[in-house]
C-alpha atoms as a PDB file:
ATOM      1  CA  MET A   1     112.327 143.285  68.677  1.00  0.00           C
ATOM      2  CA  ASP A   2     109.795 143.636  71.505  1.00  0.00           C
ATOM      3  CA  SER A   3     110.636 141.188  74.320  1.00  0.00           C
ATOM      4  CA  ASP A   4     107.070 139.771  74.415  1.00  0.00           C
ATOM      5  CA  VAL A   5     107.149 139.033  70.678  1.00  0.00           C
ATOM      6  CA  TYR A   6     110.653 137.522  71.043  1.00  0.00           C
ATOM      7  CA  SER A   7     109.510 135.222  73.857  1.00  0.00           C
ATOM      8  CA  PHE A   8     106.322 134.267  71.986  1.00  0.00           C
ATOM      9  CA  ALA A   9     108.315 133.255  68.893  1.00  0.00           C
ATOM     10  CA  LEU A  10     110.728 131.150  70.949  1.00  0.00           C
ATOM     11  CA  LYS A  11     107.888 129.527  72.904  1.00  0.00           C
ATOM     12  CA  ASN A  12     106.229 128.424  69.668  1.00  0.00           C
ATOM     13  CA  THR A  13     109.579 127.074  68.487  1.00  0.00           C
ATOM     14  CA  LEU A  14     109.975 124.990  71.653  1.00  0.00           C
ATOM     15  CA  ASN A  15     106.445 123.605  71.286  1.00  0.00           C
ATOM     16  CA  GLU A  16     107.128 122.652  67.654  1.00  0.00           C
ATOM     17  CA  LEU A  17     110.411 121.069  68.740  1.00  0.00           C
ATOM     18  CA  GLN A  18     108.453 118.610  70.879  1.00  0.00           C
ATOM     19  CA  ASN A  19     106.406 117.664  67.807  1.00  0.00           C
ATOM     20  CA  VAL A  20     109.625 116.907  65.913  1.00  0.00           C
ATOM     21  CA  CYS A  21     111.187 115.102  68.895  1.00  0.00           C
ATOM     22  CA  PRO A  22     108.312 113.636  70.977  1.00  0.00           C
ATOM     23  CA  ASP A  23     110.803 112.204  73.489  1.00  0.00           C
ATOM     24  CA  ILE A  24     111.583 115.761  74.698  1.00  0.00           C
ATOM     25  CA  THR A  25     109.368 116.240  77.754  1.00  0.00           C
ATOM     26  CA  HIS A  26     110.561 119.724  78.734  1.00  0.00           C
ATOM     27  CA  ALA A  27     112.360 122.545  76.915  1.00  0.00           C
ATOM     28  CA  PHE A  28     113.107 126.112  78.000  1.00  0.00           C
ATOM     29  CA  MET A  29     115.612 128.971  77.707  1.00  0.00           C
ATOM     30  CA  PHE A  30     117.070 131.442  80.192  1.00  0.00           C
ATOM     31  CA  ARG A  31     119.784 134.062  80.375  1.00  0.00           C
ATOM     32  CA  GLU A  32     122.922 133.893  82.511  1.00  0.00           C
ATOM     33  CA  ASN A  33     121.408 136.422  84.947  1.00  0.00           C
ATOM     34  CA  GLY A  34     118.518 134.011  85.641  1.00  0.00           C
ATOM     35  CA  GLU A  35     115.913 135.703  83.423  1.00  0.00           C
ATOM     36  CA  VAL A  36     113.472 133.177  81.931  1.00  0.00           C
ATOM     37  CA  VAL A  37     113.172 133.846  78.179  1.00  0.00           C
ATOM     38  CA  ALA A  38     110.770 131.110  77.029  1.00  0.00           C
ATOM     39  CA  GLY A  39     109.458 127.678  77.938  1.00  0.00           C
ATOM     40  CA  ASP A  40     107.247 125.077  76.333  1.00  0.00           C
ATOM     41  CA  MET A  41     103.607 124.764  77.388  1.00  0.00           C
ATOM     42  CA  ASN A  42     104.274 121.585  79.429  1.00  0.00           C
ATOM     43  CA  THR A  43     106.881 123.146  81.738  1.00  0.00           C
ATOM     44  CA  SER A  44     105.809 125.340  84.658  1.00  0.00           C
ATOM     45  CA  GLU A  45     107.760 128.460  85.583  1.00  0.00           C
ATOM     46  CA  LYS A  46     108.286 126.989  89.070  1.00  0.00           C
ATOM     47  CA  THR A  47     110.140 124.027  87.531  1.00  0.00           C
ATOM     48  CA  ILE A  48     112.253 126.330  85.357  1.00  0.00           C
ATOM     49  CA  VAL A  49     113.225 128.519  88.332  1.00  0.00           C
ATOM     50  CA  HIS A  50     114.191 125.433  90.345  1.00  0.00           C
ATOM     51  CA  VAL A  51     116.517 124.255  87.532  1.00  0.00           C
ATOM     52  CA  ILE A  52     118.035 127.747  87.171  1.00  0.00           C
ATOM     53  CA  ASP A  53     118.813 127.889  90.903  1.00  0.00           C
ATOM     54  CA  SER A  54     120.612 124.532  90.692  1.00  0.00           C
ATOM     55  CA  PHE A  55     122.425 125.655  87.549  1.00  0.00           C
ATOM     56  CA  ASP A  56     123.660 128.869  89.218  1.00  0.00           C
ATOM     57  CA  ALA A  57     125.296 126.860  91.993  1.00  0.00           C
ATOM     58  CA  ILE A  58     127.151 124.737  89.417  1.00  0.00           C
ATOM     59  CA  ASN A  59     128.068 127.742  87.257  1.00  0.00           C
ATOM     60  CA  GLU A  60     129.667 129.573  90.196  1.00  0.00           C
ATOM     61  CA  LYS A  61     132.069 126.670  90.726  1.00  0.00           C
ATOM     62  CA  ALA A  62     132.782 126.502  86.986  1.00  0.00           C
ATOM     63  CA  GLU A  63     133.717 130.189  86.639  1.00  0.00           C
ATOM     64  CA  ALA A  64     137.326 129.333  87.471  1.00  0.00           C
ATOM     65  CA  ILE A  65     137.563 127.369  84.207  1.00  0.00           C
ATOM     66  CA  GLY A  66     135.683 129.887  82.057  1.00  0.00           C
ATOM     67  CA  GLY A  67     132.057 128.980  82.801  1.00  0.00           C
ATOM     68  CA  ILE A  68     129.774 126.323  81.316  1.00  0.00           C
ATOM     69  CA  GLU A  69     129.320 125.759  77.590  1.00  0.00           C
ATOM     70  CA  SER A  70     127.293 122.557  77.925  1.00  0.00           C
ATOM     71  CA  LEU A  71     126.488 119.858  80.478  1.00  0.00           C
ATOM     72  CA  THR A  72     124.469 116.644  80.637  1.00  0.00           C
ATOM     73  CA  PHE A  73     122.856 114.814  83.560  1.00  0.00           C
ATOM     74  CA  HIS A  74     121.766 111.183  83.153  1.00  0.00           C
ATOM     75  CA  GLY A  75     119.014 110.109  85.545  1.00  0.00           C
ATOM     76  CA  VAL A  76     116.916 107.006  86.076  1.00  0.00           C
ATOM     77  CA  ASP A  77     113.933 108.402  84.161  1.00  0.00           C
ATOM     78  CA  GLY A  78     115.726 110.493  81.526  1.00  0.00           C
ATOM     79  CA  THR A  79     118.463 112.936  80.555  1.00  0.00           C
ATOM     80  CA  LEU A  80     118.817 116.696  81.125  1.00  0.00           C
ATOM     81  CA  THR A  81     120.987 118.636  78.683  1.00  0.00           C
ATOM     82  CA  ALA A  82     121.960 122.321  78.921  1.00  0.00           C
ATOM     83  CA  SER A  83     123.971 124.149  76.249  1.00  0.00           C
ATOM     84  CA  ARG A  84     124.980 127.754  75.706  1.00  0.00           C
ATOM     85  CA  ILE A  85     123.888 129.614  72.545  1.00  0.00           C
ATOM     86  CA  ASN A  86     125.263 133.182  72.467  1.00  0.00           C
ATOM     87  CA  ASP A  87     123.897 134.795  75.660  1.00  0.00           C
ATOM     88  CA  LEU A  88     121.225 132.131  76.254  1.00  0.00           C
ATOM     89  CA  TYR A  89     121.173 128.711  77.904  1.00  0.00           C
ATOM     90  CA  PHE A  90     118.962 126.112  76.209  1.00  0.00           C
ATOM     91  CA  VAL A  91     117.735 123.222  78.387  1.00  0.00           C
ATOM     92  CA  THR A  92     115.975 120.011  77.340  1.00  0.00           C
ATOM     93  CA  VAL A  93     114.742 117.048  79.367  1.00  0.00           C
ATOM     94  CA  ALA A  94     114.278 113.817  77.412  1.00  0.00           C
ATOM     95  CA  SER A  95     112.833 110.453  78.340  1.00  0.00           C
ATOM     96  CA  GLU A  96     115.068 107.446  78.900  1.00  0.00           C
ATOM     97  CA  LYS A  97     114.003 105.995  75.518  1.00  0.00           C
ATOM     98  CA  ALA A  98     115.083 109.097  73.576  1.00  0.00           C
ATOM     99  CA  ASP A  99     117.520 108.871  70.682  1.00  0.00           C
ATOM    100  CA  MET A 100     120.004 111.424  72.067  1.00  0.00           C
ATOM    101  CA  LYS A 101     122.104 111.537  68.907  1.00  0.00           C
ATOM    102  CA  TYR A 102     119.093 112.440  66.754  1.00  0.00           C
ATOM    103  CA  MET A 103     117.751 114.886  69.341  1.00  0.00           C
ATOM    104  CA  ASN A 104     121.080 116.727  69.721  1.00  0.00           C
ATOM    105  CA  THR A 105     121.481 116.962  65.945  1.00  0.00           C
ATOM    106  CA  VAL A 106     118.032 118.540  65.555  1.00  0.00           C
ATOM    107  CA  THR A 107     118.390 121.005  68.432  1.00  0.00           C
ATOM    108  CA  ARG A 108     121.911 122.131  67.489  1.00  0.00           C
ATOM    109  CA  ILE A 109     120.702 123.029  64.005  1.00  0.00           C
ATOM    110  CA  LEU A 110     117.128 124.205  64.644  1.00  0.00           C
ATOM    111  CA  ILE A 111     117.545 126.463  67.690  1.00  0.00           C
ATOM    112  CA  PRO A 112     120.554 128.567  66.478  1.00  0.00           C
ATOM    113  CA  THR A 113     118.854 128.954  63.065  1.00  0.00           C
ATOM    114  CA  ILE A 114     115.616 130.186  64.646  1.00  0.00           C
ATOM    115  CA  LEU A 115     117.531 132.620  66.885  1.00  0.00           C
ATOM    116  CA  LYS A 116     119.332 134.080  63.865  1.00  0.00           C
ATOM    117  CA  LEU A 117     116.049 134.490  61.977  1.00  0.00           C
ATOM    118  CA  ILE A 118     114.409 136.228  64.931  1.00  0.00           C
ATOM    119  CA  ASP A 119     117.363 138.588  65.400  1.00  0.00           C
ATOM    120  CA  LYS A 120     117.204 139.568  61.715  1.00  0.00           C
ATOM    121  CA  ILE A 121     113.614 140.773  62.077  1.00  0.00           C
ATOM    122  CA  ASN A 122     113.789 144.545  62.511  1.00  0.00           C
ATOM    123  CA  PRO A 123     110.307 146.100  62.470  1.00  0.00           C
ATOM    124  CA  THR A 124     110.059 149.666  61.181  1.00  0.00           C
ATOM    125  CA  PRO A 125     108.925 152.052  63.944  1.00  0.00           C
ATOM    126  CA  ILE A 126     105.507 153.602  63.442  1.00  0.00           C
ATOM    127  CA  LYS A 127     105.576 157.357  63.035  1.00  0.00           C
ATOM    128  CA  ASN A 128     102.681 159.289  64.559  1.00  0.00           C
ATOM    129  CA  THR A 129     101.180 161.813  62.146  1.00  0.00           C
ATOM    130  CA  PRO A 130      99.081 164.565  63.788  1.00  0.00           C
ATOM    131  CA  HIS A 131      95.543 164.954  62.420  1.00  0.00           C
ATOM    132  CA  ASN A 132      95.684 168.772  62.466  1.00  0.00           C
ATOM    133  CA  PRO A 133      99.241 169.830  61.685  1.00  0.00           C
ATOM    134  CA  ILE A 134     100.135 173.346  62.750  1.00  0.00           C
ATOM    135  CA  ASN A 135     101.439 175.608  59.999  1.00  0.00           C
ATOM    136  CA  THR A 136     104.828 176.794  61.270  1.00  0.00           C
ATOM    137  CA  GLU A 137     105.901 178.568  58.076  1.00  0.00           C
ATOM    138  CA  PRO A 138     106.569 182.299  58.575  1.00  0.00           C
ATOM    139  CA  GLN A 139     103.681 184.486  57.400  1.00  0.00           C
ATOM    140  CA  GLU A 140     104.257 187.545  55.296  1.00  0.00           C
ATOM    141  CA  THR A 141     103.134 190.865  56.717  1.00  0.00           C
ATOM    142  CA  ASP A 142     100.901 193.317  54.845  1.00  0.00           C
ATOM    143  CA  ASP A 143     103.899 195.577  54.140  1.00  0.00           C
ATOM    144  CA  GLU A 144     105.884 192.708  52.664  1.00  0.00           C
ATOM    145  CA  LEU A 145     102.903 191.726  50.484  1.00  0.00           C
ATOM    146  CA  ASP A 146     102.608 195.280  49.213  1.00  0.00           C
ATOM    147  CA  GLU A 147     106.316 195.392  48.369  1.00  0.00           C
ATOM    148  CA  ALA A 148     106.074 192.067  46.570  1.00  0.00           C
ATOM    149  CA  THR A 149     103.025 193.274  44.619  1.00  0.00           C
ATOM    150  CA  HIS A 150     104.015 196.832  43.722  1.00  0.00           C
ATOM    151  CA  GLU A 151     107.835 196.736  43.700  1.00  0.00           C
ATOM    152  CA  PRO A 152     109.027 193.378  42.318  1.00  0.00           C
ATOM    153  CA  GLN A 153     112.744 192.809  42.757  1.00  0.00           C
ATOM    154  CA  GLU A 154     114.670 192.621  39.517  1.00  0.00           C
ATOM    155  CA  ARG A 155     116.860 189.490  39.213  1.00  0.00           C
ATOM    156  CA  THR A 156     119.833 189.847  36.925  1.00  0.00           C
ATOM    157  CA  ALA A 157     121.855 187.074  35.318  1.00  0.00           C
ATOM    158  CA  GLU A 158     124.690 187.886  37.722  1.00  0.00           C
ATOM    159  CA  HIS A 159     122.450 187.257  40.754  1.00  0.00           C
ATOM    160  CA  LEU A 160     121.234 183.939  39.324  1.00  0.00           C
ATOM    161  CA  GLU A 161     124.765 182.677  38.615  1.00  0.00           C
ATOM    162  CA  GLU A 162     126.172 183.361  42.107  1.00  0.00           C
ATOM    163  CA  PRO A 163     124.616 180.336  43.914  1.00  0.00           C
ATOM    164  CA  TYR A 164     125.409 178.079  40.939  1.00  0.00           C
ATOM    165  CA  LEU A 165     129.090 179.113  40.878  1.00  0.00           C
ATOM    166  CA  MET A 166     129.361 178.707  44.664  1.00  0.00           C
ATOM    167  CA  HIS A 167     127.908 175.174  44.418  1.00  0.00           C
ATOM    168  CA  GLN A 168     130.431 174.313  41.696  1.00  0.00           C
ATOM    169  CA  ARG A 169     133.338 175.552  43.839  1.00  0.00           C
ATOM    170  CA  GLU A 170     132.113 173.435  46.825  1.00  0.00           C
ATOM    171  CA  ASN A 171     132.000 170.333  44.608  1.00  0.00           C
ATOM    172  CA  GLN A 172     135.543 171.003  43.375  1.00  0.00           C
ATOM    173  CA  ILE A 173     136.816 171.345  46.958  1.00  0.00           C
ATOM    174  CA  GLU A 174     135.119 168.035  47.971  1.00  0.00           C
ATOM    175  CA  LYS A 175     136.555 166.188  44.970  1.00  0.00           C
ATOM    176  CA  SER A 176     140.047 167.536  45.592  1.00  0.00           C
ATOM    177  CA  THR A 177     140.110 166.218  49.186  1.00  0.00           C
ATOM    178  CA  PRO A 178     142.022 162.908  49.078  1.00  0.00           C
ATOM    179  CA  GLU A 179     140.609 159.890  50.915  1.00  0.00           C
ATOM    180  CA  PRO A 180     142.745 158.649  53.842  1.00  0.00           C
ATOM    181  CA  LEU A 181     145.130 155.882  52.795  1.00  0.00           C
ATOM    182  CA  LEU A 182     144.979 152.638  54.768  1.00  0.00           C
ATOM    183  CA  PRO A 183     148.208 150.826  55.624  1.00  0.00           C
ATOM    184  CA  GLU A 184     149.230 147.821  53.554  1.00  0.00           C
ATOM    185  CA  PRO A 185     147.755 144.548  54.929  1.00  0.00           C
ATOM    186  CA  ILE A 186     150.075 142.814  57.393  1.00  0.00           C
ATOM    187  CA  VAL A 187     151.094 139.265  56.458  1.00  0.00           C
ATOM    188  CA  ASN A 188     151.339 136.771  59.345  1.00  0.00           C
ATOM    189  CA  GLN A 189     152.767 133.257  59.225  1.00  0.00           C
ATOM    190  CA  LEU A 190     150.585 130.811  61.151  1.00  0.00           C
ATOM    191  CA  ILE A 191     150.681 127.061  61.844  1.00  0.00           C
ATOM    192  CA  VAL A 192     147.844 124.993  60.380  1.00  0.00           C
ATOM    193  CA  GLU A 193     145.608 123.118  62.801  1.00  0.00           C
ATOM    194  CA  ASN A 194     142.660 120.929  61.746  1.00  0.00           C
ATOM    195  CA  LEU A 195     139.126 122.237  62.307  1.00  0.00           C
ATOM    196  CA  GLY A 196     136.293 119.720  62.221  1.00  0.00           C
ATOM    197  CA  GLY A 197     132.835 119.064  63.614  1.00  0.00           C
ATOM    198  CA  LEU A 198     129.221 118.531  62.595  1.00  0.00           C
ATOM    199  CA  LEU A 199     128.257 122.207  62.432  1.00  0.00           C
ATOM    200  CA  VAL A 200     131.622 123.681  61.393  1.00  0.00           C
ATOM    201  CA  PRO A 201     131.267 125.892  58.257  1.00  0.00           C
ATOM    202  CA  SER A 202     133.492 124.682  55.411  1.00  0.00           C
ATOM    203  CA  ASP A 203     134.295 128.247  54.241  1.00  0.00           C
ATOM    204  CA  THR A 204     135.487 129.712  57.562  1.00  0.00           C
ATOM    205  CA  VAL A 205     138.878 129.623  59.289  1.00  0.00           C
ATOM    206  CA  ARG A 206     139.593 130.559  62.898  1.00  0.00           C
ATOM    207  CA  ILE A 207     142.523 132.593  64.253  1.00  0.00           C
ATOM    208  CA  ASP A 208     143.479 134.212  67.545  1.00  0.00           C
ATOM    209  CA  ASN A 209     141.012 136.903  68.637  1.00  0.00           C
ATOM    210  CA  ALA A 210     143.929 139.122  69.732  1.00  0.00           C
ATOM    211  CA  MET A 211     145.173 139.203  66.120  1.00  0.00           C
ATOM    212  CA  LEU A 212     141.705 140.200  64.864  1.00  0.00           C
ATOM    213  CA  SER A 213     141.618 143.015  67.444  1.00  0.00           C
ATOM    214  CA  GLN A 214     145.070 144.270  66.370  1.00  0.00           C
ATOM    215  CA  TRP A 215     143.957 144.350  62.737  1.00  0.00           C
ATOM    216  CA  ALA A 216     140.748 146.213  63.609  1.00  0.00           C
ATOM    217  CA  GLU A 217     142.775 148.814  65.547  1.00  0.00           C
ATOM    218  CA  LEU A 218     145.315 149.163  62.731  1.00  0.00           C
ATOM    219  CA  TYR A 219     142.595 149.741  60.143  1.00  0.00           C
ATOM    220  CA  GLU A 220     140.698 152.366  62.163  1.00  0.00           C
ATOM    221  CA  GLY A 221     138.071 150.105  63.673  1.00  0.00           C
ATOM    222  CA  LYS A 222     137.111 148.319  60.443  1.00  0.00           C
ATOM    223  CA  ARG A 223     135.678 144.879  61.145  1.00  0.00           C
ATOM    224  CA  ILE A 224     137.779 142.097  59.659  1.00  0.00           C
ATOM    225  CA  GLU A 225     135.423 139.422  58.350  1.00  0.00           C
ATOM    226  CA  GLU A 226     137.633 137.789  55.698  1.00  0.00           C
ATOM    227  CA  VAL A 227     141.291 136.832  55.287  1.00  0.00           C
ATOM    228  CA  GLU A 228     143.505 135.663  52.446  1.00  0.00           C
ATOM    229  CA  VAL A 229     145.303 132.385  53.168  1.00  0.00           C
ATOM    230  CA  GLU A 230     148.325 131.532  50.996  1.00  0.00           C
ATOM    231  CA  SER A 231     150.308 128.319  51.035  1.00  0.00           C
ATOM    232  CA  PHE A 232     154.072 128.299  50.490  1.00  0.00           C
ATOM    233  CA  GLY A 233     153.279 126.466  47.265  1.00  0.00           C
ATOM    234  CA  GLY A 234     151.696 129.667  45.943  1.00  0.00           C
ATOM    235  CA  LYS A 235     148.008 128.723  46.205  1.00  0.00           C
ATOM    236  CA  LYS A 236     145.741 131.449  47.600  1.00  0.00           C
ATOM    237  CA  LEU A 237     142.182 131.421  48.910  1.00  0.00           C
ATOM    238  CA  GLN A 238     139.977 134.151  50.365  1.00  0.00           C
ATOM    239  CA  CYS A 239     137.698 132.903  53.133  1.00  0.00           C
ATOM    240  CA  LYS A 240     135.653 134.027  56.121  1.00  0.00           C
ATOM    241  CA  VAL A 241     137.312 134.308  59.536  1.00  0.00           C
ATOM    242  CA  LYS A 242     136.180 133.992  63.143  1.00  0.00           C
ATOM    243  CA  PRO A 243     138.058 133.897  66.480  1.00  0.00           C
ATOM    244  CA  ILE A 244     139.316 130.593  67.901  1.00  0.00           C
ATOM    245  CA  LYS A 245     136.962 129.122  70.506  1.00  0.00           C
ATOM    246  CA  ASP A 246     139.418 126.769  72.236  1.00  0.00           C
ATOM    247  CA  SER A 247     141.521 128.772  74.707  1.00  0.00           C
ATOM    248  CA  LYS A 248     144.440 126.302  74.505  1.00  0.00           C
ATOM    249  CA  TYR A 249     145.278 127.608  70.991  1.00  0.00           C
ATOM    250  CA  GLU A 250     145.223 131.320  71.934  1.00  0.00           C
ATOM    251  CA  GLY A 251     148.523 133.180  71.522  1.00  0.00           C
ATOM    252  CA  LYS A 252     150.262 130.217  69.831  1.00  0.00           C
ATOM    253  CA  GLY A 253     150.219 131.419  66.221  1.00  0.00           C
ATOM    254  CA  ILE A 254     147.609 128.849  65.170  1.00  0.00           C
ATOM    255  CA  ILE A 255     145.090 128.989  62.331  1.00  0.00           C
ATOM    256  CA  GLN A 256     142.315 126.385  62.390  1.00  0.00           C
ATOM    257  CA  ILE A 257     141.308 125.364  58.851  1.00  0.00           C
ATOM    258  CA  PRO A 258     138.479 122.989  57.819  1.00  0.00           C
ATOM    259  CA  GLU A 259     139.223 120.058  55.514  1.00  0.00           C
ATOM    260  CA  LYS A 260     137.750 121.594  52.328  1.00  0.00           C
ATOM    261  CA  ILE A 261     140.016 124.666  52.485  1.00  0.00           C
ATOM    262  CA  ARG A 262     143.078 122.525  53.353  1.00  0.00           C
ATOM    263  CA  THR A 263     142.349 120.370  50.299  1.00  0.00           C
ATOM    264  CA  ASP A 264     141.974 123.404  48.007  1.00  0.00           C
ATOM    265  CA  LEU A 265     145.257 124.870  49.267  1.00  0.00           C
ATOM    266  CA  GLU A 266     146.986 121.447  49.303  1.00  0.00           C
ATOM    267  CA  ILE A 267     148.208 121.887  52.883  1.00  0.00           C
ATOM    268  CA  ASN A 268     148.287 119.654  55.954  1.00  0.00           C
ATOM    269  CA  LYS A 269     148.297 120.029  59.703  1.00  0.00           C
ATOM    270  CA  GLY A 270     151.556 121.481  61.059  1.00  0.00           C
ATOM    271  CA  GLU A 271     152.490 123.400  57.883  1.00  0.00           C
ATOM    272  CA  LEU A 272     152.976 127.166  57.732  1.00  0.00           C
ATOM    273  CA  VAL A 273     150.701 129.481  55.739  1.00  0.00           C
ATOM    274  CA  ARG A 274     150.696 133.222  55.089  1.00  0.00           C
ATOM    275  CA  VAL A 275     147.585 135.028  56.352  1.00  0.00           C
ATOM    276  CA  LYS A 276     146.589 138.658  55.822  1.00  0.00           C
ATOM    277  CA  PRO A 277     143.330 140.550  56.459  1.00  0.00           C
ATOM    278  CA  VAL A 278     140.954 141.539  53.665  1.00  0.00           C
ATOM    279  CA  VAL A 279     140.024 145.167  54.322  1.00  0.00           C
ATOM    280  CA  LYS A 280     136.873 146.493  52.650  1.00  0.00           C
END
């Protein structure tokens, strides 16, 4: 999408956000490199740049612990909140009377949803059609026209069958070529860890990103988006999969499972389950 259209859509979203949450006095977005993406109509670019400069100083000190996912500053006149959404930072400033719980609930649902909708828009490029197209087809000469008029070439049944038989042989060769066989899915035993939260999908589990990368390499770069989870009681369930966000669980053979899936599989925290990729 064109960057101007992208920014315009986000700016309108931020303005509408203030209608939903009147206690939000300022709202804007910027990238990690300092590029301003969008801001509401009440916030000047000078103010946004000033906040970004202060944020950069904090972010440099936080790089040692993996950067900033979210932060909150409580002041005398209000609260500033900054949170990371993909490659963007979303900042809001709210008055001291604001209901922060309500405001955070709205922004954490509305903004990511709008970003996904905008990213899905893929306008078809306009093709330029010339008004006076030039005829590039080869022209027949006078001699060729005479030959075509006075000495027509005789086409026999044998001549007509040759291209047809050749096409049939090509189809037979293509059909006889076997498709490459993929290796059998690897089964891993992982320890169940609870996965909860307000915006956590109930149909998605999380496992180590290194394991997802190994599977993708094993299956010739295929993206693994689903796994089959099986309890030792024999219950199986196919569900979506994403990498673990919390670095403390990386490399420890953990699978984070939301409550609904744990209930369906009749498993609890600390138990072992069998997990294998679903290759499509």
